[in-house]
C-alpha atoms as a PDB file:
ATOM      1  CA  MET A   1      54.957  52.362  20.489  1.00  0.00           C
ATOM      2  CA  GLU A   2      58.103  50.380  19.589  1.00  0.00           C
ATOM      3  CA  SER A   3      56.623  47.138  20.951  1.00  0.00           C
ATOM      4  CA  PHE A   4      53.341  47.826  19.147  1.00  0.00           C
ATOM      5  CA  LEU A   5      54.924  47.981  15.661  1.00  0.00           C
ATOM      6  CA  PRO A   6      56.313  44.407  15.598  1.00  0.00           C
ATOM      7  CA  ALA A   7      52.912  43.128  16.710  1.00  0.00           C
ATOM      8  CA  THR A   8      51.251  45.073  13.900  1.00  0.00           C
ATOM      9  CA  GLY A   9      53.722  43.673  11.403  1.00  0.00           C
ATOM     10  CA  PHE A  10      53.061  40.124  12.644  1.00  0.00           C
ATOM     11  CA  LEU A  11      49.294  40.524  12.293  1.00  0.00           C
ATOM     12  CA  TYR A  12      49.797  41.978   8.809  1.00  0.00           C
ATOM     13  CA  TRP A  13      51.687  38.888   7.635  1.00  0.00           C
ATOM     14  CA  VAL A  14      49.144  36.583   9.293  1.00  0.00           C
ATOM     15  CA  GLY A  15      46.464  38.383   7.292  1.00  0.00           C
ATOM     16  CA  VAL A  16      48.463  38.139   4.074  1.00  0.00           C
ATOM     17  CA  GLY A  17      49.068  34.434   4.656  1.00  0.00           C
ATOM     18  CA  THR A  18      45.376  33.804   5.340  1.00  0.00           C
ATOM     19  CA  VAL A  19      44.272  35.659   2.206  1.00  0.00           C
ATOM     20  CA  ALA A  20      46.875  33.807   0.129  1.00  0.00           C
ATOM     21  CA  TYR A  21      45.731  30.454   1.527  1.00  0.00           C
ATOM     22  CA  LEU A  22      42.067  31.209   0.800  1.00  0.00           C
ATOM     23  CA  ALA A  23      42.928  32.443  -2.696  1.00  0.00           C
ATOM     24  CA  LEU A  24      44.831  29.198  -3.350  1.00  0.00           C
ATOM     25  CA  ARG A  25      41.923  27.075  -2.081  1.00  0.00           C
ATOM     26  CA  ILE A  26      39.429  28.974  -4.245  1.00  0.00           C
ATOM     27  CA  SER A  27      41.720  28.721  -7.292  1.00  0.00           C
ATOM     28  CA  CYS A  28      42.102  24.970  -6.810  1.00  0.00           C
ATOM     29  CA  PHE A  29      38.342  24.634  -6.368  1.00  0.00           C
ATOM     30  CA  LEU A  30      37.620  26.534  -9.595  1.00  0.00           C
ATOM     31  CA  PHE A  31      40.330  24.687 -11.539  1.00  0.00           C
ATOM     32  CA  THR A  32      38.958  21.310 -10.434  1.00  0.00           C
ATOM     33  CA  ALA A  33      35.394  22.359 -11.227  1.00  0.00           C
ATOM     34  CA  VAL A  34      36.307  23.388 -14.793  1.00  0.00           C
ATOM     35  CA  ARG A  35      38.663  20.448 -15.401  1.00  0.00           C
ATOM     36  CA  VAL A  36      36.294  17.763 -14.119  1.00  0.00           C
ATOM     37  CA  TRP A  37      32.752  19.038 -14.473  1.00  0.00           C
ATOM     38  CA  GLY A  38      33.290  21.385 -17.413  1.00  0.00           C
ATOM     39  CA  LEU A  39      35.666  19.368 -19.604  1.00  0.00           C
ATOM     40  CA  GLY A  40      35.666  15.864 -18.132  1.00  0.00           C
ATOM     41  CA  ASN A  41      36.665  12.703 -19.987  1.00  0.00           C
ATOM     42  CA  GLU A  42      33.301  11.405 -21.192  1.00  0.00           C
ATOM     43  CA  SER A  43      34.506  10.926 -24.779  1.00  0.00           C
ATOM     44  CA  GLY A  44      37.402   8.772 -23.568  1.00  0.00           C
ATOM     45  CA  VAL A  45      35.145   6.243 -21.827  1.00  0.00           C
ATOM     46  CA  GLY A  46      34.519   3.304 -24.142  1.00  0.00           C
ATOM     47  CA  PRO A  47      36.093   0.289 -25.870  1.00  0.00           C
ATOM     48  CA  ARG A  48      39.601   1.773 -25.712  1.00  0.00           C
ATOM     49  CA  LEU A  49      39.498   0.839 -22.006  1.00  0.00           C
ATOM     50  CA  GLY A  50      38.689  -2.729 -23.020  1.00  0.00           C
ATOM     51  CA  GLU A  51      36.068  -4.627 -25.030  1.00  0.00           C
ATOM     52  CA  TRP A  52      34.174  -5.961 -22.023  1.00  0.00           C
ATOM     53  CA  ALA A  53      32.818  -4.312 -18.890  1.00  0.00           C
ATOM     54  CA  VAL A  54      31.820  -6.380 -15.866  1.00  0.00           C
ATOM     55  CA  VAL A  55      29.309  -4.477 -13.750  1.00  0.00           C
ATOM     56  CA  THR A  56      28.348  -5.771 -10.308  1.00  0.00           C
ATOM     57  CA  GLY A  57      25.161  -4.766  -8.535  1.00  0.00           C
ATOM     58  CA  SER A  58      23.759  -4.215 -12.009  1.00  0.00           C
ATOM     59  CA  THR A  59      20.096  -5.024 -11.396  1.00  0.00           C
ATOM     60  CA  ASP A  60      19.217  -1.670  -9.851  1.00  0.00           C
ATOM     61  CA  GLY A  61      20.327   1.845  -8.985  1.00  0.00           C
ATOM     62  CA  ILE A  62      23.809   3.151  -9.704  1.00  0.00           C
ATOM     63  CA  GLY A  63      25.076  -0.227 -10.981  1.00  0.00           C
ATOM     64  CA  LYS A  64      22.266  -0.523 -13.536  1.00  0.00           C
ATOM     65  CA  SER A  65      22.857   3.055 -14.728  1.00  0.00           C
ATOM     66  CA  TYR A  66      26.590   2.442 -15.152  1.00  0.00           C
ATOM     67  CA  ALA A  67      25.833  -0.697 -17.195  1.00  0.00           C
ATOM     68  CA  GLU A  68      23.481   1.234 -19.487  1.00  0.00           C
ATOM     69  CA  LYS A  69      25.913   4.125 -20.000  1.00  0.00           C
ATOM     70  CA  LEU A  70      28.857   1.839 -20.740  1.00  0.00           C
ATOM     71  CA  ALA A  71      26.742  -0.139 -23.220  1.00  0.00           C
ATOM     72  CA  GLU A  72      25.819   3.113 -24.978  1.00  0.00           C
ATOM     73  CA  ARG A  73      29.546   3.699 -25.480  1.00  0.00           C
ATOM     74  CA  GLY A  74      30.022   0.444 -27.338  1.00  0.00           C
ATOM     75  CA  MET A  75      31.238  -1.790 -24.524  1.00  0.00           C
ATOM     76  CA  LYS A  76      29.957  -5.352 -24.128  1.00  0.00           C
ATOM     77  CA  ILE A  77      28.418  -5.788 -20.701  1.00  0.00           C
ATOM     78  CA  VAL A  78      28.423  -8.763 -18.333  1.00  0.00           C
ATOM     79  CA  LEU A  79      25.766  -8.218 -15.666  1.00  0.00           C
ATOM     80  CA  ILE A  80      26.463  -9.527 -12.166  1.00  0.00           C
ATOM     81  CA  SER A  81      24.197  -9.487  -9.103  1.00  0.00           C
ATOM     82  CA  ARG A  82      24.731 -10.730  -5.538  1.00  0.00           C
ATOM     83  CA  SER A  83      23.315 -14.140  -6.442  1.00  0.00           C
ATOM     84  CA  GLN A  84      25.973 -14.827  -9.094  1.00  0.00           C
ATOM     85  CA  ASP A  85      28.645 -17.230  -7.828  1.00  0.00           C
ATOM     86  CA  LYS A  86      31.500 -16.145 -10.041  1.00  0.00           C
ATOM     87  CA  LEU A  87      32.414 -13.974 -12.994  1.00  0.00           C
ATOM     88  CA  ASN A  88      31.842 -15.471 -16.455  1.00  0.00           C
ATOM     89  CA  GLN A  89      34.086 -13.008 -18.232  1.00  0.00           C
ATOM     90  CA  VAL A  90      37.469 -11.435 -17.414  1.00  0.00           C
ATOM     91  CA  SER A  91      36.919  -7.717 -17.939  1.00  0.00           C
ATOM     92  CA  SER A  92      38.820  -4.611 -18.753  1.00  0.00           C
ATOM     93  CA  GLU A  93      36.622  -2.633 -16.421  1.00  0.00           C
ATOM     94  CA  ILE A  94      34.828  -3.479 -13.185  1.00  0.00           C
ATOM     95  CA  MET A  95      32.417  -1.410 -11.170  1.00  0.00           C
ATOM     96  CA  ASN A  96      32.220  -2.665  -7.568  1.00  0.00           C
ATOM     97  CA  ASN A  97      28.770  -1.530  -6.527  1.00  0.00           C
ATOM     98  CA  VAL A  98      27.443  -4.369  -4.380  1.00  0.00           C
ATOM     99  CA  GLY A  99      26.366  -2.501  -1.267  1.00  0.00           C
ATOM    100  CA  MET A 100      24.453  -2.879   1.983  1.00  0.00           C
ATOM    101  CA  SER A 101      23.502  -0.362   4.632  1.00  0.00           C
ATOM    102  CA  TYR A 102      21.452  -0.009   7.842  1.00  0.00           C
ATOM    103  CA  GLU A 103      17.678   0.045   7.788  1.00  0.00           C
ATOM    104  CA  TYR A 104      17.814   3.135  10.037  1.00  0.00           C
ATOM    105  CA  PRO A 105      20.481   5.049  12.061  1.00  0.00           C
ATOM    106  CA  GLU A 106      21.180   3.276  15.355  1.00  0.00           C
ATOM    107  CA  TYR A 107      23.638   3.137  18.247  1.00  0.00           C
ATOM    108  CA  PHE A 108      26.157   0.340  17.762  1.00  0.00           C
ATOM    109  CA  LEU A 109      25.032  -1.912  20.642  1.00  0.00           C
ATOM    110  CA  ASP A 110      21.348  -1.413  19.787  1.00  0.00           C
ATOM    111  CA  ILE A 111      21.602  -2.569  16.164  1.00  0.00           C
ATOM    112  CA  PRO A 112      19.140  -5.438  15.648  1.00  0.00           C
ATOM    113  CA  ASP A 113      20.850  -8.824  15.183  1.00  0.00           C
ATOM    114  CA  LEU A 114      24.221  -7.121  15.669  1.00  0.00           C
ATOM    115  CA  ASP A 115      26.453 -10.170  15.045  1.00  0.00           C
ATOM    116  CA  ASN A 116      24.750 -10.994  11.766  1.00  0.00           C
ATOM    117  CA  THR A 117      24.703  -7.345  10.672  1.00  0.00           C
ATOM    118  CA  ILE A 118      28.456  -7.032  11.255  1.00  0.00           C
ATOM    119  CA  LYS A 119      29.122 -10.160   9.182  1.00  0.00           C
ATOM    120  CA  LYS A 120      26.815  -9.095   6.343  1.00  0.00           C
ATOM    121  CA  LEU A 121      28.136  -5.540   6.095  1.00  0.00           C
ATOM    122  CA  ILE A 122      31.764  -6.654   6.080  1.00  0.00           C
ATOM    123  CA  SER A 123      31.055  -9.492   3.628  1.00  0.00           C
ATOM    124  CA  VAL A 124      29.072  -7.370   1.166  1.00  0.00           C
ATOM    125  CA  ASN A 125      30.900  -4.023   1.466  1.00  0.00           C
ATOM    126  CA  VAL A 126      34.478  -5.213   2.061  1.00  0.00           C
ATOM    127  CA  LEU A 127      35.112  -8.839   1.094  1.00  0.00           C
ATOM    128  CA  SER A 128      33.161  -8.660  -2.174  1.00  0.00           C
ATOM    129  CA  VAL A 129      35.218  -5.654  -3.334  1.00  0.00           C
ATOM    130  CA  CYS A 130      38.480  -7.451  -2.572  1.00  0.00           C
ATOM    131  CA  LYS A 131      37.409 -10.728  -4.192  1.00  0.00           C
ATOM    132  CA  MET A 132      35.997  -9.113  -7.347  1.00  0.00           C
ATOM    133  CA  THR A 133      39.196  -7.101  -7.733  1.00  0.00           C
ATOM    134  CA  GLN A 134      41.296 -10.220  -7.189  1.00  0.00           C
ATOM    135  CA  LEU A 135      39.432 -11.930 -10.055  1.00  0.00           C
ATOM    136  CA  VAL A 136      39.794  -9.231 -12.713  1.00  0.00           C
ATOM    137  CA  LEU A 137      43.032  -7.423 -11.837  1.00  0.00           C
ATOM    138  CA  PRO A 138      45.454 -10.084 -13.185  1.00  0.00           C
ATOM    139  CA  GLY A 139      43.938  -9.781 -16.679  1.00  0.00           C
ATOM    140  CA  MET A 140      44.247  -6.001 -16.549  1.00  0.00           C
ATOM    141  CA  VAL A 141      47.907  -6.238 -15.529  1.00  0.00           C
ATOM    142  CA  GLU A 142      48.548  -8.680 -18.365  1.00  0.00           C
ATOM    143  CA  ARG A 143      46.978  -6.310 -20.932  1.00  0.00           C
ATOM    144  CA  SER A 144      48.416  -3.170 -19.294  1.00  0.00           C
ATOM    145  CA  LYS A 145      45.043  -1.436 -19.306  1.00  0.00           C
ATOM    146  CA  GLY A 146      41.800  -1.389 -17.347  1.00  0.00           C
ATOM    147  CA  VAL A 147      39.583   0.620 -15.045  1.00  0.00           C
ATOM    148  CA  ILE A 148      38.203  -0.319 -11.641  1.00  0.00           C
ATOM    149  CA  LEU A 149      35.350   1.801 -10.278  1.00  0.00           C
ATOM    150  CA  ASN A 150      34.656   1.206  -6.600  1.00  0.00           C
ATOM    151  CA  ILE A 151      31.498   2.784  -5.205  1.00  0.00           C
ATOM    152  CA  SER A 152      32.241   4.034  -1.731  1.00  0.00           C
ATOM    153  CA  SER A 153      30.116   6.758  -0.107  1.00  0.00           C
ATOM    154  CA  ALA A 154      30.349  10.200   1.451  1.00  0.00           C
ATOM    155  CA  THR A 155      30.081   8.254   4.726  1.00  0.00           C
ATOM    156  CA  GLY A 156      33.462   6.766   3.804  1.00  0.00           C
ATOM    157  CA  ARG A 157      34.944  10.231   3.348  1.00  0.00           C
ATOM    158  CA  TYR A 158      33.614  11.536   6.668  1.00  0.00           C
ATOM    159  CA  PRO A 159      32.814   9.407   9.766  1.00  0.00           C
ATOM    160  CA  VAL A 160      29.061   9.085  10.334  1.00  0.00           C
ATOM    161  CA  PRO A 161      27.997   8.127  13.870  1.00  0.00           C
ATOM    162  CA  LEU A 162      24.824   6.007  14.139  1.00  0.00           C
ATOM    163  CA  LEU A 163      25.874   4.437  10.821  1.00  0.00           C
ATOM    164  CA  THR A 164      29.163   3.327  12.328  1.00  0.00           C
ATOM    165  CA  ILE A 165      29.753  -0.067  10.698  1.00  0.00           C
ATOM    166  CA  TYR A 166      28.506   1.065   7.284  1.00  0.00           C
ATOM    167  CA  SER A 167      30.632   4.226   7.431  1.00  0.00           C
ATOM    168  CA  ALA A 168      33.716   2.218   8.407  1.00  0.00           C
ATOM    169  CA  THR A 169      33.249  -0.334   5.595  1.00  0.00           C
ATOM    170  CA  LYS A 170      32.875   2.459   3.025  1.00  0.00           C
ATOM    171  CA  ALA A 171      36.048   4.089   4.378  1.00  0.00           C
ATOM    172  CA  PHE A 172      37.755   0.755   3.683  1.00  0.00           C
ATOM    173  CA  VAL A 173      36.554   0.854   0.067  1.00  0.00           C
ATOM    174  CA  ASP A 174      37.930   4.389  -0.315  1.00  0.00           C
ATOM    175  CA  PHE A 175      41.352   3.583   1.194  1.00  0.00           C
ATOM    176  CA  PHE A 176      41.538   0.280  -0.706  1.00  0.00           C
ATOM    177  CA  SER A 177      40.871   2.108  -3.989  1.00  0.00           C
ATOM    178  CA  GLN A 178      43.407   4.867  -3.330  1.00  0.00           C
ATOM    179  CA  CYS A 179      46.117   2.331  -2.496  1.00  0.00           C
ATOM    180  CA  LEU A 180      45.340   0.171  -5.538  1.00  0.00           C
ATOM    181  CA  HIS A 181      45.489   3.208  -7.810  1.00  0.00           C
ATOM    182  CA  GLU A 182      48.965   4.102  -6.572  1.00  0.00           C
ATOM    183  CA  GLU A 183      50.156   0.488  -6.849  1.00  0.00           C
ATOM    184  CA  TYR A 184      48.934  -0.121 -10.409  1.00  0.00           C
ATOM    185  CA  LYS A 185      48.691   3.222 -12.212  1.00  0.00           C
ATOM    186  CA  SER A 186      52.194   2.707 -13.632  1.00  0.00           C
ATOM    187  CA  LYS A 187      50.856  -0.493 -15.249  1.00  0.00           C
ATOM    188  CA  GLY A 188      48.134   1.381 -17.139  1.00  0.00           C
ATOM    189  CA  ILE A 189      45.321   0.659 -14.678  1.00  0.00           C
ATOM    190  CA  PHE A 190      43.071   3.408 -13.356  1.00  0.00           C
ATOM    191  CA  VAL A 191      41.301   2.807 -10.031  1.00  0.00           C
ATOM    192  CA  GLN A 192      38.599   5.239  -8.962  1.00  0.00           C
ATOM    193  CA  SER A 193      36.863   5.666  -5.616  1.00  0.00           C
ATOM    194  CA  VAL A 194      33.372   7.159  -6.068  1.00  0.00           C
ATOM    195  CA  LEU A 195      32.042   8.876  -2.926  1.00  0.00           C
ATOM    196  CA  PRO A 196      28.475  10.099  -3.508  1.00  0.00           C
ATOM    197  CA  PHE A 197      26.111  11.654  -1.005  1.00  0.00           C
ATOM    198  CA  PHE A 198      22.467  10.538  -1.282  1.00  0.00           C
ATOM    199  CA  VAL A 199      21.272   9.194  -4.647  1.00  0.00           C
ATOM    200  CA  ALA A 200      17.629   8.305  -5.296  1.00  0.00           C
ATOM    201  CA  THR A 201      17.842   4.487  -5.178  1.00  0.00           C
ATOM    202  CA  LYS A 202      16.114   1.621  -3.374  1.00  0.00           C
ATOM    203  CA  LEU A 203      19.149   1.193  -1.102  1.00  0.00           C
ATOM    204  CA  ALA A 204      18.873   4.820   0.035  1.00  0.00           C
ATOM    205  CA  LYS A 205      15.062   4.504   0.238  1.00  0.00           C
ATOM    206  CA  ILE A 206      14.663   7.745  -1.711  1.00  0.00           C
ATOM    207  CA  ARG A 207      11.960   7.617  -4.373  1.00  0.00           C
ATOM    208  CA  LYS A 208      11.834  11.172  -5.708  1.00  0.00           C
ATOM    209  CA  PRO A 209      15.051  12.703  -7.121  1.00  0.00           C
ATOM    210  CA  THR A 210      15.960  16.283  -6.164  1.00  0.00           C
ATOM    211  CA  LEU A 211      18.834  18.622  -7.034  1.00  0.00           C
ATOM    212  CA  ASP A 212      21.030  17.268  -4.215  1.00  0.00           C
ATOM    213  CA  LYS A 213      19.637  13.711  -4.455  1.00  0.00           C
ATOM    214  CA  PRO A 214      19.843  12.890  -8.170  1.00  0.00           C
ATOM    215  CA  SER A 215      18.445   9.828  -9.864  1.00  0.00           C
ATOM    216  CA  SER A 216      21.014   7.109 -10.496  1.00  0.00           C
ATOM    217  CA  GLU A 217      20.823   7.948 -14.216  1.00  0.00           C
ATOM    218  CA  ASN A 218      21.704  11.620 -13.694  1.00  0.00           C
ATOM    219  CA  PHE A 219      24.386  10.732 -11.160  1.00  0.00           C
ATOM    220  CA  VAL A 220      26.142   8.322 -13.538  1.00  0.00           C
ATOM    221  CA  LYS A 221      25.784  10.776 -16.443  1.00  0.00           C
ATOM    222  CA  CYS A 222      27.980  13.172 -14.424  1.00  0.00           C
ATOM    223  CA  ALA A 223      30.207  10.578 -12.761  1.00  0.00           C
ATOM    224  CA  ILE A 224      31.261   8.970 -16.033  1.00  0.00           C
ATOM    225  CA  LYS A 225      32.969  12.254 -17.010  1.00  0.00           C
ATOM    226  CA  THR A 226      35.418  11.817 -14.138  1.00  0.00           C
ATOM    227  CA  ILE A 227      36.764   8.416 -15.231  1.00  0.00           C
ATOM    228  CA  GLY A 228      40.433   8.807 -16.077  1.00  0.00           C
ATOM    229  CA  VAL A 229      40.481  12.317 -14.607  1.00  0.00           C
ATOM    230  CA  GLN A 230      39.959  11.881 -10.844  1.00  0.00           C
ATOM    231  CA  SER A 231      40.988   8.800  -8.890  1.00  0.00           C
ATOM    232  CA  ARG A 232      38.770  10.012  -6.036  1.00  0.00           C
ATOM    233  CA  THR A 233      35.498  11.727  -6.912  1.00  0.00           C
ATOM    234  CA  SER A 234      32.101  12.705  -5.536  1.00  0.00           C
ATOM    235  CA  GLY A 235      30.762  11.852  -8.985  1.00  0.00           C
ATOM    236  CA  TYR A 236      28.202  14.667  -9.120  1.00  0.00           C
ATOM    237  CA  PHE A 237      28.838  18.422  -9.128  1.00  0.00           C
ATOM    238  CA  ILE A 238      26.381  19.261  -6.327  1.00  0.00           C
ATOM    239  CA  HIS A 239      27.925  16.498  -4.208  1.00  0.00           C
ATOM    240  CA  TYR A 240      31.346  17.964  -4.961  1.00  0.00           C
ATOM    241  CA  LEU A 241      30.108  21.303  -3.577  1.00  0.00           C
ATOM    242  CA  MET A 242      28.651  19.562  -0.513  1.00  0.00           C
ATOM    243  CA  ALA A 243      31.929  17.739   0.141  1.00  0.00           C
ATOM    244  CA  SER A 244      33.889  20.992  -0.234  1.00  0.00           C
ATOM    245  CA  VAL A 245      31.678  22.772   2.301  1.00  0.00           C
ATOM    246  CA  THR A 246      31.768  19.808   4.703  1.00  0.00           C
ATOM    247  CA  SER A 247      35.577  19.767   4.607  1.00  0.00           C
ATOM    248  CA  LEU A 248      35.631  23.352   5.912  1.00  0.00           C
ATOM    249  CA  LEU A 249      33.581  22.564   9.044  1.00  0.00           C
ATOM    250  CA  PRO A 250      35.400  22.092  12.354  1.00  0.00           C
ATOM    251  CA  SER A 251      35.049  18.483  13.499  1.00  0.00           C
ATOM    252  CA  TRP A 252      33.005  19.341  16.607  1.00  0.00           C
ATOM    253  CA  LEU A 253      30.415  21.174  14.485  1.00  0.00           C
ATOM    254  CA  TYR A 254      30.352  18.448  11.843  1.00  0.00           C
ATOM    255  CA  PHE A 255      29.724  15.692  14.416  1.00  0.00           C
ATOM    256  CA  LYS A 256      27.063  17.785  16.167  1.00  0.00           C
ATOM    257  CA  ILE A 257      25.178  18.279  12.880  1.00  0.00           C
ATOM    258  CA  VAL A 258      25.462  14.626  11.835  1.00  0.00           C
ATOM    259  CA  MET A 259      24.381  13.314  15.240  1.00  0.00           C
ATOM    260  CA  ASN A 260      21.357  15.603  15.294  1.00  0.00           C
ATOM    261  CA  VAL A 261      20.349  14.648  11.746  1.00  0.00           C
ATOM    262  CA  ASN A 262      20.691  10.915  12.362  1.00  0.00           C
ATOM    263  CA  LYS A 263      18.903  11.124  15.715  1.00  0.00           C
ATOM    264  CA  SER A 264      16.063  12.810  13.854  1.00  0.00           C
ATOM    265  CA  PHE A 265      15.983  10.033  11.226  1.00  0.00           C
ATOM    266  CA  ARG A 266      16.058   7.439  14.005  1.00  0.00           C
ATOM    267  CA  ALA A 267      13.175   9.049  15.892  1.00  0.00           C
ATOM    268  CA  ARG A 268      11.154   9.339  12.672  1.00  0.00           C
ATOM    269  CA  TYR A 269      11.703   5.643  11.935  1.00  0.00           C
ATOM    270  CA  PHE A 270      10.485   4.550  15.376  1.00  0.00           C
ATOM    271  CA  LYS A 271       7.496   6.884  15.151  1.00  0.00           C
ATOM    272  CA  LYS A 272       6.550   5.348  11.807  1.00  0.00           C
ATOM    273  CA  MET A 273       6.991   1.807  13.161  1.00  0.00           C
ATOM    274  CA  LYS A 274       4.829   2.631  16.166  1.00  0.00           C
ATOM    275  CA  LYS A 275       2.005   3.845  13.904  1.00  0.00           C
ATOM    276  CA  ASN A 276       2.215   0.664  11.863  1.00  0.00           C
END
């Protein structure tokens, strides 16, 4: 009996600690939800950040929607696509949204034209972000204000096998953004890493928006509220819920689910190609 009591006391405190930890997690979750998605900072997004906004990848999808929303808030917009050689205007805000992905999930060594794919993904998803930032950041430092929005991906938050190179390049964008924010926030510059799940765009090859796969317009309508509030955001409330749930999964279960899903996408792609 004497040896049983200490064990009971130990289990009691383990239980108390677990409940306290869960209560803290839930409280943080609710606080973040109200602060970001309930209140947000939508009214603060506009010319006070700077007169001009340079938006890359602005001809379609998320980039186009950001350009439209920023213009609605009185900012002058310079539109940049992949074919533009250089910026024509030093901006007070930049949205790095030039992106490239796989045509379908595939094992690393089986990726078609692997050498060229590696070069393209790194050039478009990594080098372009660094170079665009290098062009506009000095002006922001000089004026002591500015915002940089880098579009990463949920695949940059969590490793995604069968999209290995893409996932790794988006992880670079996320880490790059977090580091920049810490380096330059004391100089009045806000750097945000946006990590969405699927959005209905041409890049994602999703035509019909759904609750968990919003149109680029609806995504940006939510994401713009987080500017100046979160330096790292999912951008969309449902995606925030999805990221929160994903973070609770043990890694072995997460990888099992992702592998099965991407194998299914891969098989569906080959089946479709065979029919054609």
